[in-house]
Amino acid sequence: MGMGPSSPQPWQRHRFCCVLLVLLFVFLWGTCQANEELAALPPRGWNSYDSFSWTVDEIAYLQNAQILAEKLLPHGYQLLISSGTGSMLMGAYTDSYGFDNIDEWGRPFPDVQRFPSSRVDRGFSQIASKVHGMGLKFGIHLMKGISVQAVNANTPILDIKTGKPYIEDGRQWTARDIGLTDRTCAWMPHGFMSVNTDTGAGRAFLRSTYRQYADWGVDFVKVDCIFGTDYSPEEIITISELLQEIDRPIILSLSPGTEVTPALAENISDHVNMYRITGDDWDNWNDVSSHFSVSSSFAAAKKIGAGHWVARKIMARLRHASIWMAYRSNAGVNQGPHRKCNLTLDEQKTQIALWSMAKSPLMYGGDLRHLDDITLSIITNPILLKINHYSKNNMEFHYVYSERTSKKEHSGRFRSPYHVDLTKNDGMFVRLTACNDDTANGWYMFSQDGKPDHICRNFEIQNDKSISFYLGKTKPLLASGIITMDNMEHQSKFRLSVRNTSDTCLDASAGQRRTASEIRFPMFSACRWHAKQMWELNVNGNLVSSYSGLCATVKSRNEGGPNGARAWVATGSKGEIYLAFFNLDSTGRKMAARISDLGLVLRRALLRKHLCRCTEVWSGKNFSLTKDEISAVVNPHASMVFEIIC
């Protein structure tokens, strides 16, 4: 395995890399009370995927586990996640077919070449036992539903009550009876498909599958292609209910997080423990900076911190990733680890500072066998970890004054308060949100001059004119021999083409994984029979996706882009005040916040500022509060975190 460039730049020698996969973590005080021990605080741990892709093996996994237990467990890093579907045989890639290890019941089990101890029971029980012996918790990454391979093999379904094939209504049920062929994973159509949870057989398959994971000793399951634009609420709820049947706690995490909004999070928060709120992130600044807006929106919606402590604790989750990368944006590469992080040291610190302020669980993805002292000091910074676990009132702070400067010192007052400029242009894109979101309505249909119907939505008013977003509307044609939906069910459904063409249709989910900073919609591909291209216009003016049940809305292509100065605030468990400056620009910025504004936002007066101590976390430098402001020059893409103790 390659070890990166022979003569790296100074910042490249710091092998810490923060690739963000942001999730929202929800602790359910009532229905998930058994998970209190595992999930009472934002979890921390290690995830194999960013360094190893789908190639992690038992030796590398346990070597990383040992280092995690020795160096990071004392700092709260306890979860150890084998990611990348451990059932895949060597040689598999994202949308490969025929590489799944499945048993006689169509359930996945580990690749014995990579995990030789699985020969004992065709499971992870041997590894889980070793992980538990180190004081760690064992987690696995899964895909939703059932594999296409199992459906094509028409495997029987296990009834765990009898130990025999599942029988209902006088007949034996098989994988073809429960697999929803029109709901294959949008970016793994040859890999996995949703299960019909309205049938007893569908629930029986999922029950036997998740009971098997419990028997292996699994503490955490991350289910992929089931959230965001791949939203499958029926299956999510079913899995949640089945995990409640098990007599020990198992944390349920959902992925991916593309196009997740607070409204969608509200719909699912009573059923899961964790869920992502962004797409995939890799080690480039655009991906890192894209998370400032989404984290701010969740904070504004009171979806992070202990906003609803009595009913549930609501926090956000981050996955830090890797020292080495298996690949960046090419999902077809299945190898690693072989390269170093591309983020600068300042960018790495900015990333972990944001997610500490956002109370996000921290999952490191670097190869721990190469963990250096600087990386270790960053991910175990005691002040940031204290903020991460015990702070409250976490929110974006808008009363920040800043101006660009290339000098280390600057005199005079600041000219303008922080704000995000929304650059408008003709470019618009479609995004998805929960249908109860106010931005989801306003779609309508019209015909003109005998041309095919169009689906439209007024976007905004500029100069007393309505700007509309138009898409052509085509009815899906039944293909001979293809029966994927009940005829009555699909009568009101249609595909959306580009203007008056009918050869390319709008997709509700991408055919491949996209990074957090990429514009995803509109996405078009060749028209075919798949739920991701089926839409319905309801009486409320919602354009509803048949694939996810989410509704479309329209935004400016440049709307909400991160820029300039950003800041966050929080309070500590012992009265501390935390203030974080973030400079998203490529040039230095002088930033300042007034003490009086901090008191106003946090509803706390600092009458004796001369008795307060203000320390910047990264540098350890002390700042005076004799003036009514905290000011500093922040480097490009850098952060400064202040702890104020009075």
Foldseek 3Di string as FASTA:
>chain_A
DADADPDDDPQLVQLFFFWKQKKKFWFFVPLQVLCCVVAVAFAAAAEACFFFNQQAADVLQVVLLLLCLVQPVVLRHAEREDENPQQFAPPDFQQDAPRGDADLQQAGFGDCVRYVVCVVPSHQQVVQVVSVVSVHAYEYEEEAAGFLNQLVVFGFHAQVVVRDGDDDPHDGHTSVVFFQLQQAQLQHSNTHGHGNPVDPRSLRRLLVRVVVVVVSRHQEYEYELPDFLSPDVVRLQSNLVSQSVDPHHHAYEYDDQPQEAVQRCVVCSNRHGMYTNFFTGAQDLLLLLLVVLRLQRCVVVVQAAQSPVVRMGMAMAIETEESAGQDGAPRRRRGRRHYGGPHGPQLSLLRLQVRLLRLHHYYYHYSSVSNDPVSSCSVSQPVSSQSNTFWGPKHWAFAKFKDFDQDQDDDDDGDDTDDDDQDFDPAKFKGWYACVDPQQAAWDWDDDPPAAIKIKGFADADPNDTDMDIWGWAADDDDPPDDNDDPVVQPQKTFTHHPRDQQKTFFSDDNHGDRRSDRPPRDIDGDDSHQRRIWGQDPRRFIAGSSNRITMGMDGPRGPRDAAKIKMWIAGPVGKIKIKIFHQDQGKMKMKHFQVSVCVSVVHDDPPQQPKWKAWSPPRDTDHPPDRMDIGIAGHRHMTMIIIDD
